[in-house]
């Protein structure tokens, strides 16, 4: 029985992202939002986004998906 509990603990720990993974995800999100903010209207039309959609997305803090 103890072995099952121990394995369950490892599974939970493995599912939790490491600090480096979290920091990397935040950096990628920040970078993508910067690139999105730099697109002109023609590019936004091509990908089906409005300027309002972009403003909503880039106003989010980097830690919020």
C-alpha atoms as a PDB file:
ATOM      1  CA  UNK A   1       0.000   0.000   0.000  1.00  0.00           C
ATOM      2  CA  UNK A   2       2.839   2.423   0.780  1.00  0.00           C
ATOM      3  CA  UNK A   3       4.287   1.876  -2.658  1.00  0.00           C
ATOM      4  CA  UNK A   4       1.056   2.951  -4.344  1.00  0.00           C
ATOM      5  CA  UNK A   5       0.948   6.145  -2.280  1.00  0.00           C
ATOM      6  CA  UNK A   6       4.588   6.858  -3.084  1.00  0.00           C
ATOM      7  CA  UNK A   7       4.002   6.422  -6.811  1.00  0.00           C
ATOM      8  CA  UNK A   8       0.960   8.687  -6.680  1.00  0.00           C
ATOM      9  CA  UNK A   9       3.147  11.379  -5.099  1.00  0.00           C
ATOM     10  CA  UNK A  10       5.662  11.144  -7.914  1.00  0.00           C
ATOM     11  CA  UNK A  11       2.926  11.406 -10.523  1.00  0.00           C
ATOM     12  CA  UNK A  12       1.638  14.602  -8.930  1.00  0.00           C
ATOM     13  CA  UNK A  13       5.110  16.113  -8.742  1.00  0.00           C
ATOM     14  CA  UNK A  14       5.819  15.244 -12.378  1.00  0.00           C
ATOM     15  CA  UNK A  15       2.602  16.934 -13.516  1.00  0.00           C
ATOM     16  CA  UNK A  16       3.572  20.210 -11.815  1.00  0.00           C
ATOM     17  CA  UNK A  17       5.606  22.444 -14.151  1.00  0.00           C
ATOM     18  CA  UNK A  18       9.083  23.349 -13.001  1.00  0.00           C
ATOM     19  CA  UNK A  19      10.093  26.926 -12.321  1.00  0.00           C
ATOM     20  CA  UNK A  20      12.054  27.045 -15.590  1.00  0.00           C
ATOM     21  CA  UNK A  21       9.072  25.738 -17.573  1.00  0.00           C
ATOM     22  CA  UNK A  22       6.822  28.362 -16.016  1.00  0.00           C
ATOM     23  CA  UNK A  23       9.290  31.180 -16.662  1.00  0.00           C
ATOM     24  CA  UNK A  24       9.739  30.013 -20.246  1.00  0.00           C
ATOM     25  CA  UNK A  25       5.964  29.906 -20.826  1.00  0.00           C
ATOM     26  CA  UNK A  26       5.648  33.442 -19.460  1.00  0.00           C
ATOM     27  CA  UNK A  27       8.472  34.684 -21.695  1.00  0.00           C
ATOM     28  CA  UNK A  28       6.979  33.054 -24.801  1.00  0.00           C
ATOM     29  CA  UNK A  29       3.555  34.535 -23.990  1.00  0.00           C
ATOM     30  CA  UNK A  30       5.080  38.009 -23.517  1.00  0.00           C
ATOM     31  CA  UNK A  31       6.994  37.704 -26.794  1.00  0.00           C
ATOM     32  CA  UNK A  32       3.939  36.520 -28.760  1.00  0.00           C
ATOM     33  CA  UNK A  33       1.860  39.403 -27.436  1.00  0.00           C
ATOM     34  CA  UNK A  34       4.568  41.867 -28.448  1.00  0.00           C
ATOM     35  CA  UNK A  35       4.579  40.430 -31.962  1.00  0.00           C
ATOM     36  CA  UNK A  36       0.780  40.513 -32.095  1.00  0.00           C
ATOM     37  CA  UNK A  37       0.801  44.189 -31.088  1.00  0.00           C
ATOM     38  CA  UNK A  38       3.174  44.999 -33.951  1.00  0.00           C
ATOM     39  CA  UNK A  39       0.941  43.573 -36.714  1.00  0.00           C
ATOM     40  CA  UNK A  40      -0.649  46.017 -39.135  1.00  0.00           C
ATOM     41  CA  UNK A  41      -4.334  45.966 -40.079  1.00  0.00           C
ATOM     42  CA  UNK A  42      -3.709  43.928 -43.243  1.00  0.00           C
ATOM     43  CA  UNK A  43      -1.984  41.182 -41.260  1.00  0.00           C
ATOM     44  CA  UNK A  44      -4.764  41.210 -38.671  1.00  0.00           C
ATOM     45  CA  UNK A  45      -7.354  40.870 -41.436  1.00  0.00           C
ATOM     46  CA  UNK A  46      -5.404  37.883 -42.803  1.00  0.00           C
ATOM     47  CA  UNK A  47      -5.575  36.047 -39.479  1.00  0.00           C
ATOM     48  CA  UNK A  48      -9.136  37.117 -38.716  1.00  0.00           C
ATOM     49  CA  UNK A  49      -8.503  39.391 -35.739  1.00  0.00           C
ATOM     50  CA  UNK A  50      -9.694  42.907 -35.081  1.00  0.00           C
ATOM     51  CA  UNK A  51      -7.666  45.636 -33.414  1.00  0.00           C
ATOM     52  CA  UNK A  52     -10.010  45.250 -30.429  1.00  0.00           C
ATOM     53  CA  UNK A  53      -9.127  41.551 -30.174  1.00  0.00           C
ATOM     54  CA  UNK A  54      -5.460  42.486 -30.134  1.00  0.00           C
ATOM     55  CA  UNK A  55      -5.934  45.187 -27.499  1.00  0.00           C
ATOM     56  CA  UNK A  56      -7.815  42.736 -25.293  1.00  0.00           C
ATOM     57  CA  UNK A  57      -5.047  40.146 -25.606  1.00  0.00           C
ATOM     58  CA  UNK A  58      -2.085  42.471 -25.110  1.00  0.00           C
ATOM     59  CA  UNK A  59      -3.656  44.110 -22.062  1.00  0.00           C
ATOM     60  CA  UNK A  60      -3.419  40.816 -20.154  1.00  0.00           C
ATOM     61  CA  UNK A  61      -0.458  40.358 -17.801  1.00  0.00           C
ATOM     62  CA  UNK A  62       2.143  37.858 -19.008  1.00  0.00           C
ATOM     63  CA  UNK A  63       1.204  35.324 -16.346  1.00  0.00           C
ATOM     64  CA  UNK A  64      -2.413  35.116 -17.524  1.00  0.00           C
ATOM     65  CA  UNK A  65      -3.171  32.893 -20.521  1.00  0.00           C
END
